[in-house]
Amino acid sequence: MKKILSFFLFLLLLACSAEQAQTRAHITQRSTGKAGRLMISYEFRVGDSLFSDSMELANRVVPHDSVTVLFSPANPRKSHLSLP
């Protein structure tokens, strides 16, 4: 039973793991929302294109002006921050 479960878990991980590219994004704006959450707007470049996105963070401090971004090479608009 454990071998079968391990096999299906391995297949699930293979199916969910999409290729991700990594780059540095520059934070363009920081603001605090009504709930006290930090809203970060950032920009990153892929080839000749510049992409902008934002993310709301709770209970986080981002002391730097640049952050690591993970994105899909096929669709860079689908990105998320990689915070320590």
PDB file of N, CA and C in Angstrom:
ATOM      1  N   MET A   1       0.825  -1.195   0.000  1.00  0.00           N
ATOM      2  CA  MET A   1       0.000   0.000   0.000  1.00  0.00           C
ATOM      3  C   MET A   1       0.874   1.267   0.000  1.00  0.00           C
ATOM      4  N   LYS A   2       1.936   1.260   0.799  1.00  0.00           N
ATOM      5  CA  LYS A   2       2.809   2.431   0.873  1.00  0.00           C
ATOM      6  C   LYS A   2       3.513   2.676  -0.454  1.00  0.00           C
ATOM      7  N   LYS A   3       3.874   1.591  -1.148  1.00  0.00           N
ATOM      8  CA  LYS A   3       4.547   1.744  -2.432  1.00  0.00           C
ATOM      9  C   LYS A   3       3.616   2.365  -3.464  1.00  0.00           C
ATOM     10  N   ILE A   4       2.365   1.964  -3.442  1.00  0.00           N
ATOM     11  CA  ILE A   4       1.390   2.517  -4.390  1.00  0.00           C
ATOM     12  C   ILE A   4       1.154   3.992  -4.090  1.00  0.00           C
ATOM     13  N   LEU A   5       0.992   4.317  -2.810  1.00  0.00           N
ATOM     14  CA  LEU A   5       0.782   5.712  -2.421  1.00  0.00           C
ATOM     15  C   LEU A   5       1.993   6.567  -2.785  1.00  0.00           C
ATOM     16  N   SER A   6       3.188   6.045  -2.552  1.00  0.00           N
ATOM     17  CA  SER A   6       4.406   6.778  -2.910  1.00  0.00           C
ATOM     18  C   SER A   6       4.497   7.000  -4.416  1.00  0.00           C
ATOM     19  N   PHE A   7       4.112   6.003  -5.188  1.00  0.00           N
ATOM     20  CA  PHE A   7       4.136   6.114  -6.642  1.00  0.00           C
ATOM     21  C   PHE A   7       3.182   7.204  -7.124  1.00  0.00           C
ATOM     22  N   PHE A   8       1.957   7.225  -6.585  1.00  0.00           N
ATOM     23  CA  PHE A   8       0.991   8.238  -6.994  1.00  0.00           C
ATOM     24  C   PHE A   8       1.413   9.632  -6.536  1.00  0.00           C
ATOM     25  N   LEU A   9       2.033   9.721  -5.378  1.00  0.00           N
ATOM     26  CA  LEU A   9       2.541  11.008  -4.914  1.00  0.00           C
ATOM     27  C   LEU A   9       3.648  11.507  -5.836  1.00  0.00           C
ATOM     28  N   PHE A  10       4.525  10.619  -6.266  1.00  0.00           N
ATOM     29  CA  PHE A  10       5.586  10.970  -7.203  1.00  0.00           C
ATOM     30  C   PHE A  10       4.999  11.445  -8.529  1.00  0.00           C
ATOM     31  N   LEU A  11       3.985  10.753  -9.037  1.00  0.00           N
ATOM     32  CA  LEU A  11       3.337  11.175 -10.284  1.00  0.00           C
ATOM     33  C   LEU A  11       2.664  12.534 -10.135  1.00  0.00           C
ATOM     34  N   LEU A  12       2.054  12.776  -8.995  1.00  0.00           N
ATOM     35  CA  LEU A  12       1.412  14.066  -8.745  1.00  0.00           C
ATOM     36  C   LEU A  12       2.440  15.191  -8.731  1.00  0.00           C
ATOM     37  N   LEU A  13       3.576  14.961  -8.111  1.00  0.00           N
ATOM     38  CA  LEU A  13       4.630  15.977  -8.093  1.00  0.00           C
ATOM     39  C   LEU A  13       5.167  16.256  -9.489  1.00  0.00           C
ATOM     40  N   LEU A  14       5.320  15.226 -10.297  1.00  0.00           N
ATOM     41  CA  LEU A  14       5.775  15.434 -11.674  1.00  0.00           C
ATOM     42  C   LEU A  14       4.761  16.227 -12.484  1.00  0.00           C
ATOM     43  N   ALA A  15       3.486  15.952 -12.268  1.00  0.00           N
ATOM     44  CA  ALA A  15       2.441  16.645 -13.021  1.00  0.00           C
ATOM     45  C   ALA A  15       2.336  18.110 -12.613  1.00  0.00           C
ATOM     46  N   CYS A  16       2.569  18.406 -11.354  1.00  0.00           N
ATOM     47  CA  CYS A  16       2.407  19.777 -10.864  1.00  0.00           C
ATOM     48  C   CYS A  16       3.640  20.641 -11.072  1.00  0.00           C
ATOM     49  N   SER A  17       4.778  20.036 -11.245  1.00  0.00           N
ATOM     50  CA  SER A  17       5.993  20.836 -11.352  1.00  0.00           C
ATOM     51  C   SER A  17       6.131  21.396 -12.762  1.00  0.00           C
ATOM     52  N   ALA A  18       5.901  22.666 -12.874  1.00  0.00           N
ATOM     53  CA  ALA A  18       6.059  23.356 -14.158  1.00  0.00           C
ATOM     54  C   ALA A  18       7.433  24.020 -14.174  1.00  0.00           C
ATOM     55  N   GLU A  19       7.945  24.233 -15.351  1.00  0.00           N
ATOM     56  CA  GLU A  19       9.235  24.891 -15.469  1.00  0.00           C
ATOM     57  C   GLU A  19       9.115  26.332 -14.992  1.00  0.00           C
ATOM     58  N   GLN A  20      10.026  26.748 -14.152  1.00  0.00           N
ATOM     59  CA  GLN A  20      10.024  28.095 -13.611  1.00  0.00           C
ATOM     60  C   GLN A  20      11.355  28.759 -13.931  1.00  0.00           C
ATOM     61  N   ALA A  21      11.280  30.012 -14.319  1.00  0.00           N
ATOM     62  CA  ALA A  21      12.479  30.819 -14.515  1.00  0.00           C
ATOM     63  C   ALA A  21      12.561  31.796 -13.345  1.00  0.00           C
ATOM     64  N   GLN A  22      13.744  32.300 -13.098  1.00  0.00           N
ATOM     65  CA  GLN A  22      13.970  33.179 -11.959  1.00  0.00           C
ATOM     66  C   GLN A  22      14.700  34.427 -12.419  1.00  0.00           C
ATOM     67  N   THR A  23      14.298  35.571 -11.872  1.00  0.00           N
ATOM     68  CA  THR A  23      14.968  36.832 -12.162  1.00  0.00           C
ATOM     69  C   THR A  23      14.802  37.755 -10.961  1.00  0.00           C
ATOM     70  N   ARG A  24      15.425  38.906 -11.022  1.00  0.00           N
ATOM     71  CA  ARG A  24      15.295  39.904  -9.961  1.00  0.00           C
ATOM     72  C   ARG A  24      14.299  40.965 -10.405  1.00  0.00           C
ATOM     73  N   ALA A  25      13.442  41.364  -9.488  1.00  0.00           N
ATOM     74  CA  ALA A  25      12.465  42.416  -9.746  1.00  0.00           C
ATOM     75  C   ALA A  25      12.781  43.601  -8.844  1.00  0.00           C
ATOM     76  N   HIS A  26      12.536  44.779  -9.346  1.00  0.00           N
ATOM     77  CA  HIS A  26      12.763  46.004  -8.582  1.00  0.00           C
ATOM     78  C   HIS A  26      11.432  46.486  -8.022  1.00  0.00           C
ATOM     79  N   ILE A  27      11.414  46.761  -6.732  1.00  0.00           N
ATOM     80  CA  ILE A  27      10.202  47.249  -6.074  1.00  0.00           C
ATOM     81  C   ILE A  27      10.012  48.707  -6.459  1.00  0.00           C
ATOM     82  N   THR A  28       8.844  49.022  -6.993  1.00  0.00           N
ATOM     83  CA  THR A  28       8.555  50.387  -7.423  1.00  0.00           C
ATOM     84  C   THR A  28       7.720  51.152  -6.411  1.00  0.00           C
ATOM     85  N   GLN A  29       6.933  50.424  -5.585  1.00  0.00           N
ATOM     86  CA  GLN A  29       6.081  51.111  -4.620  1.00  0.00           C
ATOM     87  C   GLN A  29       5.769  50.182  -3.456  1.00  0.00           C
ATOM     88  N   ARG A  30       5.768  50.771  -2.263  1.00  0.00           N
ATOM     89  CA  ARG A  30       5.336  50.069  -1.054  1.00  0.00           C
ATOM     90  C   ARG A  30       4.218  50.887  -0.435  1.00  0.00           C
ATOM     91  N   SER A  31       3.163  50.220  -0.004  1.00  0.00           N
ATOM     92  CA  SER A  31       2.079  50.918   0.686  1.00  0.00           C
ATOM     93  C   SER A  31       1.442  49.962   1.689  1.00  0.00           C
ATOM     94  N   THR A  32       0.703  50.528   2.623  1.00  0.00           N
ATOM     95  CA  THR A  32       0.022  49.739   3.641  1.00  0.00           C
ATOM     96  C   THR A  32      -1.475  49.868   3.440  1.00  0.00           C
ATOM     97  N   GLY A  33      -2.160  48.736   3.426  1.00  0.00           N
ATOM     98  CA  GLY A  33      -3.606  48.728   3.243  1.00  0.00           C
ATOM     99  C   GLY A  33      -4.332  48.979   4.551  1.00  0.00           C
ATOM    100  N   LYS A  34      -5.666  48.951   4.491  1.00  0.00           N
ATOM    101  CA  LYS A  34      -6.483  49.211   5.677  1.00  0.00           C
ATOM    102  C   LYS A  34      -6.294  48.139   6.750  1.00  0.00           C
ATOM    103  N   ALA A  35      -6.047  46.929   6.337  1.00  0.00           N
ATOM    104  CA  ALA A  35      -5.869  45.830   7.290  1.00  0.00           C
ATOM    105  C   ALA A  35      -4.442  45.761   7.820  1.00  0.00           C
ATOM    106  N   GLY A  36      -3.602  46.701   7.421  1.00  0.00           N
ATOM    107  CA  GLY A  36      -2.223  46.719   7.881  1.00  0.00           C
ATOM    108  C   GLY A  36      -1.300  45.818   7.086  1.00  0.00           C
ATOM    109  N   ARG A  37      -1.772  45.330   5.959  1.00  0.00           N
ATOM    110  CA  ARG A  37      -0.947  44.473   5.111  1.00  0.00           C
ATOM    111  C   ARG A  37      -0.102  45.317   4.169  1.00  0.00           C
ATOM    112  N   LEU A  38       1.068  44.814   3.865  1.00  0.00           N
ATOM    113  CA  LEU A  38       2.003  45.503   2.987  1.00  0.00           C
ATOM    114  C   LEU A  38       1.685  45.164   1.536  1.00  0.00           C
ATOM    115  N   MET A  39       1.514  46.186   0.704  1.00  0.00           N
ATOM    116  CA  MET A  39       1.291  46.000  -0.730  1.00  0.00           C
ATOM    117  C   MET A  39       2.561  46.423  -1.449  1.00  0.00           C
ATOM    118  N   ILE A  40       3.129  45.493  -2.224  1.00  0.00           N
ATOM    119  CA  ILE A  40       4.367  45.756  -2.958  1.00  0.00           C
ATOM    120  C   ILE A  40       4.068  45.709  -4.445  1.00  0.00           C
ATOM    121  N   SER A  41       4.457  46.759  -5.156  1.00  0.00           N
ATOM    122  CA  SER A  41       4.396  46.769  -6.618  1.00  0.00           C
ATOM    123  C   SER A  41       5.815  46.596  -7.124  1.00  0.00           C
ATOM    124  N   TYR A  42       5.991  45.732  -8.112  1.00  0.00           N
ATOM    125  CA  TYR A  42       7.334  45.450  -8.611  1.00  0.00           C
ATOM    126  C   TYR A  42       7.328  45.284 -10.122  1.00  0.00           C
ATOM    127  N   GLU A  43       8.503  45.470 -10.718  1.00  0.00           N
ATOM    128  CA  GLU A  43       8.691  45.327 -12.166  1.00  0.00           C
ATOM    129  C   GLU A  43       9.879  44.416 -12.422  1.00  0.00           C
ATOM    130  N   PHE A  44       9.752  43.602 -13.471  1.00  0.00           N
ATOM    131  CA  PHE A  44      10.870  42.763 -13.884  1.00  0.00           C
ATOM    132  C   PHE A  44      10.893  42.666 -15.395  1.00  0.00           C
ATOM    133  N   ARG A  45      12.060  42.395 -15.914  1.00  0.00           N
ATOM    134  CA  ARG A  45      12.277  42.367 -17.360  1.00  0.00           C
ATOM    135  C   ARG A  45      12.544  40.932 -17.801  1.00  0.00           C
ATOM    136  N   VAL A  46      11.852  40.535 -18.877  1.00  0.00           N
ATOM    137  CA  VAL A  46      12.080  39.242 -19.525  1.00  0.00           C
ATOM    138  C   VAL A  46      12.347  39.547 -20.989  1.00  0.00           C
ATOM    139  N   GLY A  47      13.589  39.376 -21.400  1.00  0.00           N
ATOM    140  CA  GLY A  47      13.965  39.732 -22.769  1.00  0.00           C
ATOM    141  C   GLY A  47      13.842  41.231 -22.953  1.00  0.00           C
ATOM    142  N   ASP A  48      13.050  41.644 -23.937  1.00  0.00           N
ATOM    143  CA  ASP A  48      12.826  43.069 -24.193  1.00  0.00           C
ATOM    144  C   ASP A  48      11.546  43.585 -23.555  1.00  0.00           C
ATOM    145  N   SER A  49      10.802  42.737 -22.871  1.00  0.00           N
ATOM    146  CA  SER A  49       9.512  43.121 -22.291  1.00  0.00           C
ATOM    147  C   SER A  49       9.652  43.424 -20.806  1.00  0.00           C
ATOM    148  N   LEU A  50       8.904  44.430 -20.361  1.00  0.00           N
ATOM    149  CA  LEU A  50       8.871  44.823 -18.960  1.00  0.00           C
ATOM    150  C   LEU A  50       7.508  44.442 -18.397  1.00  0.00           C
ATOM    151  N   PHE A  51       7.489  43.704 -17.293  1.00  0.00           N
ATOM    152  CA  PHE A  51       6.249  43.254 -16.674  1.00  0.00           C
ATOM    153  C   PHE A  51       6.112  43.891 -15.302  1.00  0.00           C
ATOM    154  N   SER A  52       4.899  44.285 -14.964  1.00  0.00           N
ATOM    155  CA  SER A  52       4.596  44.867 -13.658  1.00  0.00           C
ATOM    156  C   SER A  52       3.579  43.983 -12.955  1.00  0.00           C
ATOM    157  N   ASP A  53       3.732  43.863 -11.650  1.00  0.00           N
ATOM    158  CA  ASP A  53       2.803  43.067 -10.861  1.00  0.00           C
ATOM    159  C   ASP A  53       2.819  43.605  -9.442  1.00  0.00           C
ATOM    160  N   SER A  54       1.919  43.133  -8.621  1.00  0.00           N
ATOM    161  CA  SER A  54       1.894  43.535  -7.221  1.00  0.00           C
ATOM    162  C   SER A  54       1.487  42.342  -6.372  1.00  0.00           C
ATOM    163  N   MET A  55       1.800  42.446  -5.087  1.00  0.00           N
ATOM    164  CA  MET A  55       1.491  41.371  -4.160  1.00  0.00           C
ATOM    165  C   MET A  55       1.220  41.960  -2.795  1.00  0.00           C
ATOM    166  N   GLU A  56       0.235  41.407  -2.115  1.00  0.00           N
ATOM    167  CA  GLU A  56      -0.094  41.837  -0.767  1.00  0.00           C
ATOM    168  C   GLU A  56       0.490  40.831   0.221  1.00  0.00           C
ATOM    169  N   LEU A  57       1.211  41.339   1.203  1.00  0.00           N
ATOM    170  CA  LEU A  57       1.892  40.487   2.168  1.00  0.00           C
ATOM    171  C   LEU A  57       1.389  40.779   3.569  1.00  0.00           C
ATOM    172  N   ALA A  58       1.216  39.732   4.350  1.00  0.00           N
ATOM    173  CA  ALA A  58       0.827  39.885   5.746  1.00  0.00           C
ATOM    174  C   ALA A  58       1.982  39.420   6.624  1.00  0.00           C
ATOM    175  N   ASN A  59       2.285  40.191   7.634  1.00  0.00           N
ATOM    176  CA  ASN A  59       3.322  39.850   8.610  1.00  0.00           C
ATOM    177  C   ASN A  59       4.687  39.628   7.967  1.00  0.00           C
ATOM    178  N   ARG A  60       5.042  40.449   7.013  1.00  0.00           N
ATOM    179  CA  ARG A  60       6.340  40.352   6.336  1.00  0.00           C
ATOM    180  C   ARG A  60       6.991  41.717   6.280  1.00  0.00           C
ATOM    181  N   VAL A  61       8.306  41.708   6.294  1.00  0.00           N
ATOM    182  CA  VAL A  61       9.098  42.912   6.088  1.00  0.00           C
ATOM    183  C   VAL A  61      10.027  42.623   4.925  1.00  0.00           C
ATOM    184  N   VAL A  62      10.053  43.517   3.954  1.00  0.00           N
ATOM    185  CA  VAL A  62      10.938  43.379   2.797  1.00  0.00           C
ATOM    186  C   VAL A  62      11.884  44.572   2.835  1.00  0.00           C
ATOM    187  N   PRO A  63      13.092  44.393   3.381  1.00  0.00           N
ATOM    188  CA  PRO A  63      13.990  45.528   3.572  1.00  0.00           C
ATOM    189  C   PRO A  63      14.767  45.940   2.326  1.00  0.00           C
ATOM    190  N   HIS A  64      14.721  45.142   1.273  1.00  0.00           N
ATOM    191  CA  HIS A  64      15.529  45.420   0.085  1.00  0.00           C
ATOM    192  C   HIS A  64      14.696  46.069  -1.013  1.00  0.00           C
ATOM    193  N   ASP A  65      15.379  46.656  -1.991  1.00  0.00           N
ATOM    194  CA  ASP A  65      14.698  47.278  -3.121  1.00  0.00           C
ATOM    195  C   ASP A  65      14.503  46.323  -4.285  1.00  0.00           C
ATOM    196  N   SER A  66      15.011  45.110  -4.164  1.00  0.00           N
ATOM    197  CA  SER A  66      14.796  44.114  -5.211  1.00  0.00           C
ATOM    198  C   SER A  66      14.476  42.772  -4.561  1.00  0.00           C
ATOM    199  N   VAL A  67      13.692  41.976  -5.257  1.00  0.00           N
ATOM    200  CA  VAL A  67      13.268  40.670  -4.765  1.00  0.00           C
ATOM    201  C   VAL A  67      13.396  39.654  -5.895  1.00  0.00           C
ATOM    202  N   THR A  68      13.415  38.388  -5.544  1.00  0.00           N
ATOM    203  CA  THR A  68      13.474  37.322  -6.534  1.00  0.00           C
ATOM    204  C   THR A  68      12.064  36.977  -6.990  1.00  0.00           C
ATOM    205  N   VAL A  69      11.897  36.857  -8.299  1.00  0.00           N
ATOM    206  CA  VAL A  69      10.598  36.527  -8.883  1.00  0.00           C
ATOM    207  C   VAL A  69      10.724  35.212  -9.635  1.00  0.00           C
ATOM    208  N   LEU A  70       9.754  34.332  -9.439  1.00  0.00           N
ATOM    209  CA  LEU A  70       9.655  33.094 -10.201  1.00  0.00           C
ATOM    210  C   LEU A  70       8.498  33.238 -11.173  1.00  0.00           C
ATOM    211  N   PHE A  71       8.717  32.843 -12.425  1.00  0.00           N
ATOM    212  CA  PHE A  71       7.673  32.983 -13.434  1.00  0.00           C
ATOM    213  C   PHE A  71       7.789  31.865 -14.447  1.00  0.00           C
ATOM    214  N   SER A  72       6.724  31.670 -15.183  1.00  0.00           N
ATOM    215  CA  SER A  72       6.702  30.679 -16.249  1.00  0.00           C
ATOM    216  C   SER A  72       7.269  31.310 -17.513  1.00  0.00           C
ATOM    217  N   PRO A  73       8.254  30.689 -18.165  1.00  0.00           N
ATOM    218  CA  PRO A  73       8.799  31.266 -19.397  1.00  0.00           C
ATOM    219  C   PRO A  73       7.751  31.381 -20.505  1.00  0.00           C
ATOM    220  N   ALA A  74       6.763  30.521 -20.490  1.00  0.00           N
ATOM    221  CA  ALA A  74       5.709  30.578 -21.502  1.00  0.00           C
ATOM    222  C   ALA A  74       4.767  31.752 -21.263  1.00  0.00           C
ATOM    223  N   ASN A  75       4.548  32.114 -19.988  1.00  0.00           N
ATOM    224  CA  ASN A  75       3.648  33.214 -19.652  1.00  0.00           C
ATOM    225  C   ASN A  75       4.215  33.980 -18.451  1.00  0.00           C
ATOM    226  N   PRO A  76       5.078  34.963 -18.682  1.00  0.00           N
ATOM    227  CA  PRO A  76       5.698  35.697 -17.569  1.00  0.00           C
ATOM    228  C   PRO A  76       4.713  36.498 -16.724  1.00  0.00           C
ATOM    229  N   ARG A  77       3.504  36.726 -17.212  1.00  0.00           N
ATOM    230  CA  ARG A  77       2.518  37.461 -16.407  1.00  0.00           C
ATOM    231  C   ARG A  77       2.110  36.667 -15.159  1.00  0.00           C
ATOM    232  N   LYS A  78       2.256  35.358 -15.203  1.00  0.00           N
ATOM    233  CA  LYS A  78       1.968  34.524 -14.038  1.00  0.00           C
ATOM    234  C   LYS A  78       3.250  34.409 -13.223  1.00  0.00           C
ATOM    235  N   SER A  79       3.411  35.324 -12.294  1.00  0.00           N
ATOM    236  CA  SER A  79       4.636  35.363 -11.503  1.00  0.00           C
ATOM    237  C   SER A  79       4.291  35.399 -10.025  1.00  0.00           C
ATOM    238  N   HIS A  80       5.259  35.044  -9.205  1.00  0.00           N
ATOM    239  CA  HIS A  80       5.110  35.186  -7.767  1.00  0.00           C
ATOM    240  C   HIS A  80       6.483  35.429  -7.147  1.00  0.00           C
ATOM    241  N   LEU A  81       6.454  36.095  -6.018  1.00  0.00           N
ATOM    242  CA  LEU A  81       7.693  36.446  -5.332  1.00  0.00           C
ATOM    243  C   LEU A  81       8.225  35.258  -4.554  1.00  0.00           C
ATOM    244  N   SER A  82       9.522  35.172  -4.494  1.00  0.00           N
ATOM    245  CA  SER A  82      10.194  34.168  -3.673  1.00  0.00           C
ATOM    246  C   SER A  82      10.859  34.913  -2.526  1.00  0.00           C
ATOM    247  N   LEU A  83      10.199  34.926  -1.385  1.00  0.00           N
ATOM    248  CA  LEU A  83      10.703  35.668  -0.230  1.00  0.00           C
ATOM    249  C   LEU A  83      11.345  34.714   0.764  1.00  0.00           C
ATOM    250  N   PRO A  84      12.410  35.154   1.414  1.00  0.00           N
ATOM    251  CA  PRO A  84      13.066  34.280   2.410  1.00  0.00           C
ATOM    252  C   PRO A  84      12.216  34.093   3.647  1.00  0.00           C
TER     253      PRO A  84
END
